Amino acid sequence: MKNISNTLHTKVHDWIDGIGFRLNTSQTNIKSHITTNHYFFETFNFFEKEKQDHPESTKFLCFDAYGEKINVKSLLDLQEAFFENISQLK
């Protein structure tokens, strides 16, 4: 399972770097060593929660075009939400 999560973390970061997402904010909880990163591109936002030195436990969260929360379990989940959101722009 550790390899799958590491792969998801790597795939997501490779993809967002390719698209041109920007890091909006980053907050670290000193006690729990959890960093929350907020990324955006145009009107699409998503969050990444990662524990220091444990990329395998990283969680991603985004919202669909209707504002519904989507827990990202694969790169495809994130891409679907992103392209649906971008297609709504006029």
Protein backbone atom coordinates (compact mmCIF):
# COMPACT_ATOMS: atom_id res chain seq x y z
CA MET A 1 0.00 0.00 0.00
CA LYS A 2 2.89 2.35 0.74
CA ASN A 3 4.09 2.16 -2.87
CA ILE A 4 0.63 2.94 -4.23
CA SER A 5 0.32 6.07 -2.11
CA ASN A 6 3.82 7.23 -2.97
CA THR A 7 2.99 6.75 -6.61
CA LEU A 8 -0.26 8.77 -6.27
CA HIS A 9 1.64 11.58 -4.54
CA THR A 10 4.26 11.62 -7.29
CA LYS A 11 1.71 11.39 -10.12
CA VAL A 12 -0.39 14.23 -8.71
CA HIS A 13 2.62 16.49 -8.28
CA ASP A 14 3.95 15.70 -11.75
CA TRP A 15 0.52 16.49 -13.22
CA ILE A 16 -0.04 19.75 -11.32
CA ASP A 17 3.46 20.91 -12.25
CA GLY A 18 2.67 20.19 -15.91
CA ILE A 19 -0.66 22.03 -15.84
CA GLY A 20 0.77 25.02 -13.99
CA PHE A 21 -1.01 24.93 -10.64
CA ARG A 22 0.15 27.48 -8.11
CA LEU A 23 0.61 26.98 -4.40
CA ASN A 24 -1.72 29.50 -2.76
CA THR A 25 -1.08 28.82 0.93
CA SER A 26 0.74 26.33 3.06
CA GLN A 27 0.11 25.84 6.78
CA THR A 28 1.94 23.47 9.10
CA ASN A 29 0.62 22.24 12.41
CA ILE A 30 3.73 22.09 14.57
CA LYS A 31 2.32 19.53 17.03
CA SER A 32 1.03 16.99 14.51
CA HIS A 33 3.63 17.74 11.80
CA ILE A 34 0.86 17.92 9.19
CA THR A 35 1.16 20.42 6.36
CA THR A 36 -1.90 21.56 4.44
CA ASN A 37 -1.19 22.95 0.97
CA HIS A 38 -3.81 24.81 -1.06
CA TYR A 39 -3.26 24.74 -4.83
CA PHE A 40 -5.24 26.56 -7.52
CA PHE A 41 -5.52 27.02 -11.26
CA GLU A 42 -8.11 29.43 -12.70
CA THR A 43 -11.28 28.55 -10.76
CA PHE A 44 -10.18 25.11 -9.55
CA ASN A 45 -8.84 24.58 -6.04
CA PHE A 46 -7.65 21.53 -4.19
CA PHE A 47 -6.01 20.71 -0.89
CA GLU A 48 -3.21 18.38 0.06
CA LYS A 49 -2.59 17.20 3.61
CA GLU A 50 0.73 15.53 4.21
CA LYS A 51 2.52 14.33 7.28
CA GLN A 52 6.17 15.31 7.49
CA ASP A 53 8.42 12.60 5.99
CA HIS A 54 5.41 10.36 5.17
CA PRO A 55 4.26 11.04 1.59
CA GLU A 56 2.46 7.69 1.60
CA SER A 57 -0.12 9.12 4.01
CA THR A 58 -0.86 12.20 1.89
CA LYS A 59 -4.56 12.96 1.38
CA PHE A 60 -5.97 15.06 -1.46
CA LEU A 61 -9.33 16.83 -1.45
CA CYS A 62 -11.02 18.83 -4.18
CA PHE A 63 -14.50 20.01 -5.14
CA ASP A 64 -16.53 19.31 -8.27
CA ALA A 65 -18.27 21.97 -10.38
CA TYR A 66 -21.26 21.87 -8.02
CA GLY A 67 -19.19 22.39 -4.88
CA GLU A 68 -19.42 18.79 -3.73
CA LYS A 69 -16.40 17.44 -1.87
CA ILE A 70 -14.36 14.76 -3.65
CA ASN A 71 -11.81 12.65 -1.81
CA VAL A 72 -9.12 11.99 -4.40
CA LYS A 73 -8.15 8.33 -4.49
CA SER A 74 -6.52 8.42 -7.92
CA LEU A 75 -5.08 10.94 -10.33
CA LEU A 76 -8.13 10.35 -12.52
CA ASP A 77 -10.45 11.63 -9.74
CA LEU A 78 -8.52 14.89 -9.62
CA GLN A 79 -8.34 15.21 -13.41
CA GLU A 80 -12.08 14.61 -13.85
CA ALA A 81 -12.97 17.27 -11.29
CA PHE A 82 -10.46 19.69 -12.83
CA PHE A 83 -11.60 19.30 -16.44
CA GLU A 84 -15.27 19.45 -15.45
CA ASN A 85 -14.59 22.68 -13.57
CA ILE A 86 -12.56 24.21 -16.41
CA SER A 87 -15.23 23.26 -18.98
CA GLN A 88 -17.73 25.38 -17.05
CA LEU A 89 -15.71 28.55 -17.75
CA LYS A 90 -17.03 30.76 -20.51
